[in-house]
Amino acid sequence: MSITQAALLTATRIELRDESSVTWTDTQAHAAMDQAVAEYSRHRPAQGEATATITTVLRVEPLTSWTITPPDPDLTIKAVEYPVGEWPPRYVRFDRWGDNLTLHTDAELVAKSVRILYTTPHYLAAAAWADLPATALYILAVGAAAYAMLAISSYNSNVITLHPEAAERLRSLAAEKLAQFRDAIAVRTPIQGLLRRPYDEFTQTDIVSWPN
């Protein structure tokens, strides 16, 4: 379960009809991809769990006791299981303050395992997003294409010369794609990618239904 940066770049360029890199540089496309992944993460973050053995009786434990990959200040703890291994699982109330986790238990902690369930944004490492499902590739490509179009449509005439109405058409198409992307990541339904070439008159539209 992963998506490589190269695979998402290819899918994004197909969505943009810019396979030959005529309009967008790789740097511009990568920036748009990062925006799409960041927004995807806000709706569907990476999920993880970590277990540590608590050796102190204190109810306050530093988060460094758990091995979390990658270490992330944006980590959100969803649940704390203590002790681990019972059925049904026993989840305790907790508070996080800074880098410390406080467990609201009736009795002092004993030397038992504590498991935390958490979410983090999806991170690019070794040219891949390891926690992104492969089925999200085309959803992300639509979002990245939208952000790429929005970026280029905002350039002034000293940077790039557009068709007199191209900027407005790009913004309109980008808004359409962005709406599709946001709808797809919110409700987990198949989406339709509208594939149009930016400098054409946008009179021909190819509809491609991407699998979920």
N, C-alpha and C. Protein backbone atom coordinates (compact mmCIF):
# COMPACT_ATOMS: atom_id res chain seq x y z
N MET A 1 0.84 -1.19 0.00
CA MET A 1 0.00 0.00 0.00
C MET A 1 0.88 1.23 0.00
N SER A 2 1.08 1.83 -1.18
CA SER A 2 1.88 3.04 -1.27
C SER A 2 1.68 3.67 -2.65
N ILE A 3 2.03 4.94 -2.74
CA ILE A 3 2.01 5.66 -4.02
C ILE A 3 3.36 6.35 -4.15
N THR A 4 4.04 6.11 -5.25
CA THR A 4 5.32 6.76 -5.45
C THR A 4 5.12 8.16 -6.02
N GLN A 5 6.11 8.99 -5.78
CA GLN A 5 6.05 10.36 -6.30
C GLN A 5 6.01 10.34 -7.83
N ALA A 6 6.76 9.42 -8.43
CA ALA A 6 6.80 9.32 -9.89
C ALA A 6 5.44 8.92 -10.45
N ALA A 7 4.75 7.98 -9.79
CA ALA A 7 3.45 7.54 -10.27
C ALA A 7 2.42 8.66 -10.19
N LEU A 8 2.44 9.42 -9.10
CA LEU A 8 1.48 10.51 -8.97
C LEU A 8 1.81 11.63 -9.96
N LEU A 9 3.07 11.87 -10.22
CA LEU A 9 3.46 12.88 -11.20
C LEU A 9 2.93 12.50 -12.59
N THR A 10 3.09 11.24 -12.96
CA THR A 10 2.59 10.77 -14.26
C THR A 10 1.08 10.91 -14.35
N ALA A 11 0.37 10.49 -13.29
CA ALA A 11 -1.08 10.58 -13.30
C ALA A 11 -1.56 12.03 -13.33
N THR A 12 -0.84 12.90 -12.64
CA THR A 12 -1.21 14.32 -12.65
C THR A 12 -1.02 14.94 -14.02
N ARG A 13 0.07 14.59 -14.69
CA ARG A 13 0.32 15.13 -16.03
C ARG A 13 -0.72 14.61 -17.03
N ILE A 14 -1.15 13.37 -16.86
CA ILE A 14 -2.22 12.85 -17.73
C ILE A 14 -3.50 13.65 -17.51
N GLU A 15 -3.81 13.94 -16.25
CA GLU A 15 -5.01 14.71 -15.93
C GLU A 15 -4.92 16.12 -16.50
N LEU A 16 -3.71 16.66 -16.57
CA LEU A 16 -3.49 17.99 -17.11
C LEU A 16 -3.34 18.00 -18.63
N ARG A 17 -3.22 16.83 -19.22
CA ARG A 17 -2.88 16.71 -20.64
C ARG A 17 -1.55 17.42 -20.92
N ASP A 18 -0.61 17.20 -20.04
CA ASP A 18 0.70 17.84 -20.16
C ASP A 18 1.80 16.79 -19.99
N GLU A 19 1.62 15.66 -20.69
CA GLU A 19 2.57 14.55 -20.53
C GLU A 19 3.99 14.92 -20.95
N SER A 20 4.14 15.89 -21.85
CA SER A 20 5.47 16.28 -22.33
C SER A 20 6.07 17.44 -21.55
N SER A 21 5.45 17.82 -20.46
CA SER A 21 5.96 18.89 -19.58
C SER A 21 6.09 20.22 -20.31
N VAL A 22 5.13 20.50 -21.17
CA VAL A 22 5.16 21.75 -21.93
C VAL A 22 4.73 22.93 -21.06
N THR A 23 3.74 22.73 -20.23
CA THR A 23 3.13 23.82 -19.47
C THR A 23 3.63 23.90 -18.04
N TRP A 24 3.72 22.76 -17.37
CA TRP A 24 4.12 22.74 -15.96
C TRP A 24 5.47 22.06 -15.79
N THR A 25 6.35 22.68 -15.03
CA THR A 25 7.62 22.04 -14.70
C THR A 25 7.38 20.98 -13.63
N ASP A 26 8.36 20.11 -13.43
CA ASP A 26 8.22 19.11 -12.37
C ASP A 26 8.09 19.78 -11.00
N THR A 27 8.83 20.88 -10.81
CA THR A 27 8.76 21.59 -9.53
C THR A 27 7.35 22.10 -9.27
N GLN A 28 6.72 22.66 -10.29
CA GLN A 28 5.35 23.15 -10.14
C GLN A 28 4.38 22.01 -9.90
N ALA A 29 4.55 20.92 -10.62
CA ALA A 29 3.67 19.76 -10.44
C ALA A 29 3.84 19.15 -9.06
N HIS A 30 5.09 19.06 -8.58
CA HIS A 30 5.33 18.50 -7.25
C HIS A 30 4.68 19.37 -6.17
N ALA A 31 4.74 20.68 -6.33
CA ALA A 31 4.12 21.57 -5.35
C ALA A 31 2.61 21.35 -5.31
N ALA A 32 2.00 21.18 -6.47
CA ALA A 32 0.56 20.91 -6.53
C ALA A 32 0.23 19.56 -5.92
N MET A 33 1.08 18.58 -6.16
CA MET A 33 0.87 17.25 -5.57
C MET A 33 0.93 17.32 -4.06
N ASP A 34 1.89 18.06 -3.53
CA ASP A 34 2.01 18.20 -2.08
C ASP A 34 0.75 18.83 -1.48
N GLN A 35 0.19 19.82 -2.18
CA GLN A 35 -1.05 20.44 -1.70
C GLN A 35 -2.20 19.43 -1.68
N ALA A 36 -2.28 18.62 -2.73
CA ALA A 36 -3.35 17.63 -2.80
C ALA A 36 -3.21 16.59 -1.69
N VAL A 37 -1.99 16.13 -1.45
CA VAL A 37 -1.76 15.13 -0.40
C VAL A 37 -2.07 15.73 0.98
N ALA A 38 -1.69 16.99 1.18
CA ALA A 38 -1.96 17.63 2.47
C ALA A 38 -3.47 17.73 2.72
N GLU A 39 -4.23 18.08 1.68
CA GLU A 39 -5.69 18.17 1.86
C GLU A 39 -6.29 16.78 2.05
N TYR A 40 -5.79 15.81 1.30
CA TYR A 40 -6.24 14.43 1.47
C TYR A 40 -6.01 13.97 2.91
N SER A 41 -4.86 14.34 3.46
CA SER A 41 -4.50 13.93 4.83
C SER A 41 -5.47 14.49 5.86
N ARG A 42 -5.99 15.68 5.61
CA ARG A 42 -6.93 16.26 6.57
C ARG A 42 -8.23 15.47 6.63
N HIS A 43 -8.59 14.81 5.54
CA HIS A 43 -9.80 14.01 5.51
C HIS A 43 -9.53 12.54 5.79
N ARG A 44 -8.42 12.03 5.28
CA ARG A 44 -8.09 10.61 5.44
C ARG A 44 -6.62 10.48 5.86
N PRO A 45 -6.33 10.78 7.12
CA PRO A 45 -4.93 10.74 7.58
C PRO A 45 -4.40 9.32 7.66
N ALA A 46 -3.09 9.22 7.77
CA ALA A 46 -2.46 7.92 8.00
C ALA A 46 -2.79 7.46 9.41
N GLN A 47 -3.04 6.18 9.58
CA GLN A 47 -3.37 5.62 10.88
C GLN A 47 -2.21 4.78 11.40
N GLY A 48 -1.96 4.86 12.68
CA GLY A 48 -0.88 4.08 13.25
C GLY A 48 -1.18 3.69 14.69
N GLU A 49 -0.36 2.83 15.19
CA GLU A 49 -0.46 2.43 16.60
C GLU A 49 0.93 2.15 17.13
N ALA A 50 1.09 2.34 18.41
CA ALA A 50 2.38 2.09 19.05
C ALA A 50 2.13 1.63 20.47
N THR A 51 2.98 0.72 20.93
CA THR A 51 2.84 0.14 22.27
C THR A 51 4.13 0.35 23.06
N ALA A 52 3.99 0.72 24.31
CA ALA A 52 5.14 0.89 25.19
C ALA A 52 4.79 0.30 26.55
N THR A 53 5.81 -0.19 27.24
CA THR A 53 5.62 -0.69 28.60
C THR A 53 5.92 0.43 29.58
N ILE A 54 4.93 0.76 30.38
CA ILE A 54 5.08 1.83 31.35
C ILE A 54 5.74 1.25 32.61
N THR A 55 6.86 1.83 32.99
CA THR A 55 7.61 1.29 34.13
C THR A 55 7.46 2.17 35.38
N THR A 56 6.72 3.24 35.27
CA THR A 56 6.54 4.12 36.42
C THR A 56 5.09 4.05 36.88
N VAL A 57 4.84 4.41 38.11
CA VAL A 57 3.47 4.40 38.63
C VAL A 57 2.74 5.70 38.30
N LEU A 58 3.47 6.66 37.77
CA LEU A 58 2.85 7.95 37.45
C LEU A 58 1.85 7.80 36.32
N ARG A 59 0.85 8.64 36.34
CA ARG A 59 -0.16 8.63 35.29
C ARG A 59 0.22 9.51 34.10
N VAL A 60 1.33 10.21 34.21
CA VAL A 60 1.81 11.09 33.14
C VAL A 60 3.03 10.45 32.49
N GLU A 61 2.98 10.29 31.18
CA GLU A 61 4.06 9.63 30.46
C GLU A 61 4.43 10.45 29.24
N PRO A 62 5.73 10.67 28.99
CA PRO A 62 6.13 11.41 27.79
C PRO A 62 5.86 10.60 26.53
N LEU A 63 5.48 11.29 25.46
CA LEU A 63 5.19 10.60 24.21
C LEU A 63 6.42 9.91 23.63
N THR A 64 7.60 10.32 24.07
CA THR A 64 8.82 9.67 23.60
C THR A 64 8.91 8.21 24.05
N SER A 65 8.05 7.81 24.98
CA SER A 65 8.05 6.40 25.40
C SER A 65 7.54 5.50 24.28
N TRP A 66 6.78 6.07 23.34
CA TRP A 66 6.26 5.29 22.23
C TRP A 66 7.06 5.61 20.97
N THR A 67 7.35 4.59 20.19
CA THR A 67 8.06 4.78 18.94
C THR A 67 7.04 5.09 17.85
N ILE A 68 7.03 6.33 17.41
CA ILE A 68 6.08 6.79 16.41
C ILE A 68 6.85 7.19 15.16
N THR A 69 6.47 6.62 14.02
CA THR A 69 7.15 6.89 12.77
C THR A 69 6.17 7.50 11.78
N PRO A 70 6.48 8.69 11.24
CA PRO A 70 7.58 9.55 11.69
C PRO A 70 7.15 10.35 12.91
N PRO A 71 8.11 10.83 13.74
CA PRO A 71 7.74 11.70 14.85
C PRO A 71 7.05 12.94 14.28
N ASP A 72 5.92 13.32 14.82
CA ASP A 72 5.11 14.35 14.17
C ASP A 72 4.40 15.21 15.20
N PRO A 73 4.62 16.53 15.15
CA PRO A 73 3.89 17.41 16.07
C PRO A 73 2.40 17.46 15.75
N ASP A 74 2.03 17.05 14.53
CA ASP A 74 0.62 17.05 14.14
C ASP A 74 -0.07 15.73 14.48
N LEU A 75 0.61 14.87 15.20
CA LEU A 75 0.02 13.60 15.61
C LEU A 75 -1.23 13.84 16.44
N THR A 76 -2.28 13.10 16.11
CA THR A 76 -3.52 13.16 16.87
C THR A 76 -3.79 11.81 17.51
N ILE A 77 -3.86 11.77 18.81
CA ILE A 77 -4.13 10.51 19.52
C ILE A 77 -5.64 10.30 19.55
N LYS A 78 -6.05 9.15 19.07
CA LYS A 78 -7.48 8.83 18.99
C LYS A 78 -7.95 8.00 20.16
N ALA A 79 -7.11 7.11 20.66
CA ALA A 79 -7.51 6.23 21.76
C ALA A 79 -6.29 5.72 22.48
N VAL A 80 -6.46 5.37 23.75
CA VAL A 80 -5.39 4.79 24.57
C VAL A 80 -5.93 3.52 25.21
N GLU A 81 -5.25 2.41 24.97
CA GLU A 81 -5.66 1.12 25.54
C GLU A 81 -4.73 0.76 26.70
N TYR A 82 -5.34 0.52 27.85
CA TYR A 82 -4.55 0.13 29.03
C TYR A 82 -5.45 -0.67 29.97
N PRO A 83 -4.97 -1.84 30.38
CA PRO A 83 -3.80 -2.55 29.86
C PRO A 83 -4.11 -3.18 28.50
N VAL A 84 -3.06 -3.60 27.81
CA VAL A 84 -3.21 -4.15 26.46
C VAL A 84 -3.52 -5.64 26.55
N GLY A 85 -4.34 -6.12 25.62
CA GLY A 85 -4.54 -7.56 25.49
C GLY A 85 -5.80 -8.10 26.10
N GLU A 86 -6.59 -7.26 26.73
CA GLU A 86 -7.84 -7.75 27.32
C GLU A 86 -8.97 -7.69 26.29
N TRP A 87 -10.00 -8.47 26.52
CA TRP A 87 -11.15 -8.46 25.63
C TRP A 87 -12.44 -8.37 26.44
N PRO A 88 -13.29 -7.43 26.13
CA PRO A 88 -13.09 -6.40 25.10
C PRO A 88 -11.97 -5.44 25.50
N PRO A 89 -11.39 -4.74 24.53
CA PRO A 89 -10.28 -3.83 24.86
C PRO A 89 -10.72 -2.78 25.87
N ARG A 90 -9.80 -2.40 26.74
CA ARG A 90 -10.09 -1.40 27.76
C ARG A 90 -9.43 -0.08 27.35
N TYR A 91 -10.25 0.88 27.01
CA TYR A 91 -9.74 2.20 26.63
C TYR A 91 -9.98 3.16 27.79
N VAL A 92 -8.98 3.97 28.06
CA VAL A 92 -9.06 4.89 29.19
C VAL A 92 -9.11 6.33 28.69
N ARG A 93 -9.68 7.18 29.52
CA ARG A 93 -9.67 8.60 29.19
C ARG A 93 -8.24 9.14 29.30
N PHE A 94 -7.95 10.15 28.52
CA PHE A 94 -6.58 10.68 28.52
C PHE A 94 -6.61 12.15 28.11
N ASP A 95 -5.50 12.82 28.44
CA ASP A 95 -5.26 14.19 27.99
C ASP A 95 -3.84 14.27 27.44
N ARG A 96 -3.69 15.07 26.40
CA ARG A 96 -2.35 15.35 25.89
C ARG A 96 -2.05 16.82 26.12
N TRP A 97 -0.92 17.08 26.73
CA TRP A 97 -0.48 18.45 26.92
C TRP A 97 0.98 18.52 26.50
N GLY A 98 1.25 19.20 25.38
CA GLY A 98 2.61 19.22 24.86
C GLY A 98 3.03 17.83 24.45
N ASP A 99 4.14 17.38 24.99
CA ASP A 99 4.67 16.06 24.66
C ASP A 99 4.39 15.04 25.75
N ASN A 100 3.44 15.33 26.63
CA ASN A 100 3.10 14.39 27.70
C ASN A 100 1.68 13.88 27.54
N LEU A 101 1.50 12.62 27.91
CA LEU A 101 0.19 11.99 27.85
C LEU A 101 -0.22 11.62 29.27
N THR A 102 -1.38 12.10 29.70
CA THR A 102 -1.90 11.80 31.02
C THR A 102 -3.05 10.82 30.90
N LEU A 103 -2.96 9.70 31.61
CA LEU A 103 -4.01 8.69 31.61
C LEU A 103 -4.87 8.86 32.84
N HIS A 104 -6.16 8.92 32.63
CA HIS A 104 -7.10 9.10 33.75
C HIS A 104 -7.57 7.71 34.21
N THR A 105 -6.74 7.11 35.02
CA THR A 105 -7.06 5.79 35.56
C THR A 105 -7.42 5.91 37.03
N ASP A 106 -8.22 4.99 37.52
CA ASP A 106 -8.63 5.03 38.92
C ASP A 106 -7.46 4.73 39.85
N ALA A 107 -6.60 3.83 39.41
CA ALA A 107 -5.45 3.45 40.23
C ALA A 107 -4.16 3.87 39.55
N GLU A 108 -3.08 3.90 40.31
CA GLU A 108 -1.80 4.21 39.72
C GLU A 108 -1.42 3.16 38.69
N LEU A 109 -0.64 3.59 37.70
CA LEU A 109 -0.21 2.67 36.66
C LEU A 109 0.75 1.64 37.22
N VAL A 110 0.71 0.46 36.64
CA VAL A 110 1.69 -0.58 36.96
C VAL A 110 2.46 -0.90 35.70
N ALA A 111 3.48 -1.71 35.83
CA ALA A 111 4.35 -2.02 34.69
C ALA A 111 3.62 -2.91 33.69
N LYS A 112 2.76 -2.27 32.92
CA LYS A 112 2.03 -2.97 31.87
C LYS A 112 2.10 -2.17 30.58
N SER A 113 1.74 -2.83 29.48
CA SER A 113 1.79 -2.17 28.18
C SER A 113 0.64 -1.20 28.02
N VAL A 114 0.94 -0.10 27.34
CA VAL A 114 -0.06 0.91 26.97
C VAL A 114 0.02 1.11 25.47
N ARG A 115 -1.10 0.98 24.79
CA ARG A 115 -1.12 1.13 23.34
C ARG A 115 -1.88 2.40 22.97
N ILE A 116 -1.30 3.19 22.08
CA ILE A 116 -1.98 4.38 21.59
C ILE A 116 -2.33 4.19 20.12
N LEU A 117 -3.50 4.65 19.76
CA LEU A 117 -3.94 4.67 18.36
C LEU A 117 -3.92 6.13 17.92
N TYR A 118 -3.31 6.41 16.78
CA TYR A 118 -3.11 7.80 16.39
C TYR A 118 -3.24 7.97 14.88
N THR A 119 -3.35 9.22 14.47
CA THR A 119 -3.33 9.57 13.06
C THR A 119 -2.28 10.65 12.83
N THR A 120 -1.72 10.66 11.63
CA THR A 120 -0.76 11.68 11.22
C THR A 120 -1.01 12.01 9.74
N PRO A 121 -0.49 13.15 9.27
CA PRO A 121 -0.54 13.39 7.83
C PRO A 121 0.28 12.35 7.08
N HIS A 122 0.03 12.22 5.79
CA HIS A 122 0.82 11.33 4.96
C HIS A 122 2.13 12.04 4.59
N TYR A 123 3.25 11.35 4.78
CA TYR A 123 4.55 11.95 4.55
C TYR A 123 5.27 11.30 3.39
N LEU A 124 5.96 12.16 2.62
CA LEU A 124 6.79 11.69 1.52
C LEU A 124 8.14 11.27 2.07
N ALA A 125 8.52 10.02 1.85
CA ALA A 125 9.80 9.51 2.30
C ALA A 125 10.31 8.52 1.27
N ALA A 126 11.59 8.65 0.90
CA ALA A 126 12.19 7.77 -0.12
C ALA A 126 11.36 7.80 -1.40
N ALA A 127 10.91 9.01 -1.78
CA ALA A 127 10.18 9.24 -3.03
C ALA A 127 8.86 8.49 -3.09
N ALA A 128 8.23 8.25 -1.93
CA ALA A 128 6.93 7.57 -1.92
C ALA A 128 6.16 7.96 -0.66
N TRP A 129 4.83 7.87 -0.78
CA TRP A 129 3.96 8.02 0.39
C TRP A 129 3.55 6.61 0.79
N ALA A 130 4.19 6.08 1.81
CA ALA A 130 4.05 4.67 2.15
C ALA A 130 2.64 4.30 2.60
N ASP A 131 1.94 5.24 3.23
CA ASP A 131 0.63 4.93 3.80
C ASP A 131 -0.54 5.29 2.89
N LEU A 132 -0.28 5.83 1.72
CA LEU A 132 -1.37 6.17 0.81
C LEU A 132 -1.81 4.92 0.06
N PRO A 133 -3.11 4.62 0.05
CA PRO A 133 -3.58 3.45 -0.70
C PRO A 133 -3.45 3.69 -2.20
N ALA A 134 -3.12 2.65 -2.94
CA ALA A 134 -2.95 2.78 -4.39
C ALA A 134 -4.22 3.28 -5.06
N THR A 135 -5.38 2.96 -4.48
CA THR A 135 -6.65 3.38 -5.08
C THR A 135 -6.84 4.89 -5.02
N ALA A 136 -6.02 5.60 -4.24
CA ALA A 136 -6.15 7.06 -4.14
C ALA A 136 -5.38 7.79 -5.23
N LEU A 137 -4.66 7.06 -6.07
CA LEU A 137 -3.78 7.70 -7.05
C LEU A 137 -4.53 8.70 -7.93
N TYR A 138 -5.62 8.28 -8.52
CA TYR A 138 -6.30 9.16 -9.47
C TYR A 138 -7.11 10.24 -8.78
N ILE A 139 -7.58 9.95 -7.59
CA ILE A 139 -8.23 11.00 -6.80
C ILE A 139 -7.23 12.13 -6.54
N LEU A 140 -6.03 11.75 -6.14
CA LEU A 140 -4.99 12.74 -5.86
C LEU A 140 -4.54 13.46 -7.12
N ALA A 141 -4.52 12.76 -8.25
CA ALA A 141 -4.13 13.39 -9.51
C ALA A 141 -5.11 14.49 -9.89
N VAL A 142 -6.39 14.26 -9.66
CA VAL A 142 -7.39 15.29 -9.95
C VAL A 142 -7.16 16.51 -9.05
N GLY A 143 -6.91 16.27 -7.77
CA GLY A 143 -6.64 17.37 -6.86
C GLY A 143 -5.38 18.12 -7.21
N ALA A 144 -4.32 17.39 -7.54
CA ALA A 144 -3.06 18.04 -7.91
C ALA A 144 -3.22 18.85 -9.19
N ALA A 145 -3.96 18.32 -10.15
CA ALA A 145 -4.21 19.06 -11.39
C ALA A 145 -4.95 20.36 -11.11
N ALA A 146 -5.92 20.30 -10.20
CA ALA A 146 -6.66 21.51 -9.84
C ALA A 146 -5.73 22.56 -9.26
N TYR A 147 -4.88 22.15 -8.33
CA TYR A 147 -3.96 23.11 -7.72
C TYR A 147 -2.95 23.65 -8.73
N ALA A 148 -2.50 22.80 -9.65
CA ALA A 148 -1.56 23.25 -10.68
C ALA A 148 -2.21 24.29 -11.59
N MET A 149 -3.47 24.07 -11.95
CA MET A 149 -4.19 25.03 -12.79
C MET A 149 -4.41 26.34 -12.07
N LEU A 150 -4.76 26.27 -10.79
CA LEU A 150 -4.98 27.49 -10.02
C LEU A 150 -3.69 28.31 -9.94
N ALA A 151 -2.57 27.62 -9.78
CA ALA A 151 -1.29 28.32 -9.66
C ALA A 151 -0.93 29.04 -10.95
N ILE A 152 -1.06 28.36 -12.07
CA ILE A 152 -0.64 28.97 -13.33
C ILE A 152 -1.62 30.04 -13.77
N SER A 153 -2.89 29.93 -13.40
CA SER A 153 -3.87 30.93 -13.80
C SER A 153 -3.68 32.24 -13.06
N SER A 154 -2.92 32.21 -11.98
CA SER A 154 -2.70 33.43 -11.19
C SER A 154 -1.43 34.17 -11.60
N TYR A 155 -0.66 33.60 -12.53
CA TYR A 155 0.57 34.26 -12.97
C TYR A 155 0.22 35.56 -13.71
N ASN A 156 1.08 36.55 -13.57
CA ASN A 156 0.86 37.78 -14.32
C ASN A 156 1.50 37.69 -15.70
N SER A 157 1.25 38.66 -16.52
CA SER A 157 1.69 38.60 -17.91
C SER A 157 3.20 38.66 -18.05
N ASN A 158 3.91 39.11 -17.01
CA ASN A 158 5.37 39.14 -17.07
C ASN A 158 5.98 37.76 -16.89
N VAL A 159 5.18 36.82 -16.38
CA VAL A 159 5.67 35.48 -16.14
C VAL A 159 5.28 34.54 -17.26
N ILE A 160 4.03 34.63 -17.69
CA ILE A 160 3.54 33.74 -18.73
C ILE A 160 2.43 34.46 -19.50
N THR A 161 2.39 34.22 -20.80
CA THR A 161 1.37 34.83 -21.64
C THR A 161 0.28 33.81 -21.92
N LEU A 162 -0.93 34.12 -21.49
CA LEU A 162 -2.05 33.23 -21.66
C LEU A 162 -2.97 33.75 -22.77
N HIS A 163 -3.75 32.86 -23.32
CA HIS A 163 -4.85 33.24 -24.20
C HIS A 163 -5.70 34.26 -23.43
N PRO A 164 -6.27 35.26 -24.09
CA PRO A 164 -7.03 36.30 -23.39
C PRO A 164 -8.04 35.77 -22.37
N GLU A 165 -8.66 34.64 -22.67
CA GLU A 165 -9.65 34.09 -21.75
C GLU A 165 -9.17 32.83 -21.05
N ALA A 166 -7.91 32.47 -21.30
CA ALA A 166 -7.42 31.19 -20.76
C ALA A 166 -7.36 31.18 -19.24
N ALA A 167 -6.94 32.30 -18.65
CA ALA A 167 -6.81 32.33 -17.19
C ALA A 167 -8.15 32.07 -16.51
N GLU A 168 -9.19 32.74 -17.01
CA GLU A 168 -10.51 32.54 -16.42
C GLU A 168 -11.00 31.12 -16.66
N ARG A 169 -10.72 30.57 -17.83
CA ARG A 169 -11.14 29.21 -18.14
C ARG A 169 -10.40 28.21 -17.25
N LEU A 170 -9.13 28.47 -17.02
CA LEU A 170 -8.35 27.60 -16.15
C LEU A 170 -8.90 27.64 -14.73
N ARG A 171 -9.22 28.84 -14.25
CA ARG A 171 -9.76 28.94 -12.89
C ARG A 171 -11.09 28.21 -12.78
N SER A 172 -11.91 28.32 -13.81
CA SER A 172 -13.19 27.64 -13.79
C SER A 172 -13.02 26.13 -13.79
N LEU A 173 -12.12 25.63 -14.65
CA LEU A 173 -11.86 24.20 -14.71
C LEU A 173 -11.23 23.70 -13.42
N ALA A 174 -10.30 24.51 -12.86
CA ALA A 174 -9.65 24.13 -11.61
C ALA A 174 -10.69 24.02 -10.49
N ALA A 175 -11.61 24.96 -10.44
CA ALA A 175 -12.65 24.92 -9.40
C ALA A 175 -13.51 23.67 -9.56
N GLU A 176 -13.78 23.29 -10.80
CA GLU A 176 -14.58 22.09 -11.06
C GLU A 176 -13.85 20.85 -10.58
N LYS A 177 -12.56 20.78 -10.91
CA LYS A 177 -11.77 19.62 -10.49
C LYS A 177 -11.60 19.59 -8.98
N LEU A 178 -11.39 20.76 -8.39
CA LEU A 178 -11.19 20.82 -6.94
C LEU A 178 -12.46 20.36 -6.22
N ALA A 179 -13.61 20.73 -6.76
CA ALA A 179 -14.87 20.28 -6.17
C ALA A 179 -15.01 18.76 -6.27
N GLN A 180 -14.62 18.20 -7.40
CA GLN A 180 -14.66 16.75 -7.57
C GLN A 180 -13.73 16.06 -6.59
N PHE A 181 -12.53 16.61 -6.46
CA PHE A 181 -11.53 16.04 -5.54
C PHE A 181 -12.05 16.06 -4.10
N ARG A 182 -12.56 17.19 -3.68
CA ARG A 182 -13.02 17.31 -2.29
C ARG A 182 -14.24 16.43 -2.03
N ASP A 183 -15.11 16.32 -3.02
CA ASP A 183 -16.26 15.44 -2.86
C ASP A 183 -15.81 13.99 -2.74
N ALA A 184 -14.82 13.62 -3.53
CA ALA A 184 -14.36 12.23 -3.54
C ALA A 184 -13.67 11.85 -2.24
N ILE A 185 -12.84 12.73 -1.71
CA ILE A 185 -12.12 12.36 -0.49
C ILE A 185 -13.02 12.45 0.74
N ALA A 186 -14.15 13.14 0.60
CA ALA A 186 -15.06 13.26 1.74
C ALA A 186 -16.02 12.10 1.84
N VAL A 187 -16.46 11.55 0.69
CA VAL A 187 -17.53 10.55 0.74
C VAL A 187 -17.12 9.20 0.15
N ARG A 188 -15.87 9.07 -0.29
CA ARG A 188 -15.37 7.79 -0.80
C ARG A 188 -16.22 7.24 -1.95
N THR A 189 -16.48 8.07 -2.93
CA THR A 189 -17.20 7.61 -4.11
C THR A 189 -16.32 7.76 -5.33
N PRO A 190 -16.60 7.01 -6.42
CA PRO A 190 -15.83 7.21 -7.64
C PRO A 190 -16.01 8.63 -8.14
N ILE A 191 -14.99 9.13 -8.82
CA ILE A 191 -15.07 10.47 -9.36
C ILE A 191 -14.85 10.43 -10.85
N GLN A 192 -15.22 11.50 -11.52
CA GLN A 192 -14.98 11.63 -12.94
C GLN A 192 -13.95 12.72 -13.15
N GLY A 193 -12.87 12.39 -13.85
CA GLY A 193 -11.86 13.38 -14.15
C GLY A 193 -12.17 14.02 -15.48
N LEU A 194 -12.27 15.35 -15.51
CA LEU A 194 -12.49 16.06 -16.75
C LEU A 194 -11.14 16.42 -17.32
N LEU A 195 -10.78 15.80 -18.44
CA LEU A 195 -9.45 15.97 -19.00
C LEU A 195 -9.51 16.98 -20.14
N ARG A 196 -8.87 18.14 -19.95
CA ARG A 196 -8.88 19.16 -20.99
C ARG A 196 -7.49 19.77 -21.09
N ARG A 197 -7.11 20.18 -22.27
CA ARG A 197 -5.81 20.79 -22.44
C ARG A 197 -5.93 22.29 -22.15
N PRO A 198 -5.06 22.84 -21.28
CA PRO A 198 -5.23 24.22 -20.81
C PRO A 198 -5.31 25.27 -21.91
N TYR A 199 -4.53 25.12 -23.00
CA TYR A 199 -4.49 26.18 -23.99
C TYR A 199 -5.44 25.96 -25.16
N ASP A 200 -6.21 24.89 -25.13
CA ASP A 200 -7.27 24.71 -26.11
C ASP A 200 -8.45 25.60 -25.74
N GLU A 201 -9.48 25.59 -26.56
CA GLU A 201 -10.66 26.38 -26.27
C GLU A 201 -11.61 25.66 -25.31
N PHE A 202 -11.19 24.45 -24.87
CA PHE A 202 -11.98 23.68 -23.92
C PHE A 202 -13.36 23.31 -24.47
N THR A 203 -13.42 23.10 -25.78
CA THR A 203 -14.70 22.72 -26.37
C THR A 203 -14.89 21.22 -26.37
N GLN A 204 -13.80 20.46 -26.25
CA GLN A 204 -13.89 19.01 -26.22
C GLN A 204 -13.54 18.52 -24.83
N THR A 205 -14.43 17.72 -24.28
CA THR A 205 -14.24 17.21 -22.93
C THR A 205 -14.27 15.70 -22.95
N ASP A 206 -13.22 15.08 -22.40
CA ASP A 206 -13.20 13.65 -22.26
C ASP A 206 -13.58 13.30 -20.83
N ILE A 207 -14.54 12.42 -20.66
CA ILE A 207 -14.97 12.01 -19.32
C ILE A 207 -14.37 10.65 -19.03
N VAL A 208 -13.63 10.55 -17.96
CA VAL A 208 -13.01 9.30 -17.57
C VAL A 208 -13.45 8.97 -16.15
N SER A 209 -14.09 7.84 -15.96
CA SER A 209 -14.52 7.43 -14.63
C SER A 209 -13.41 6.62 -13.98
N TRP A 210 -12.89 7.15 -12.90
CA TRP A 210 -11.81 6.48 -12.21
C TRP A 210 -12.37 5.52 -11.20
N PRO A 211 -11.71 4.36 -11.01
CA PRO A 211 -12.19 3.41 -9.99
C PRO A 211 -11.95 3.98 -8.61
N ASN A 212 -12.71 3.47 -7.64
CA ASN A 212 -12.55 3.93 -6.27
C ASN A 212 -11.25 3.40 -5.68
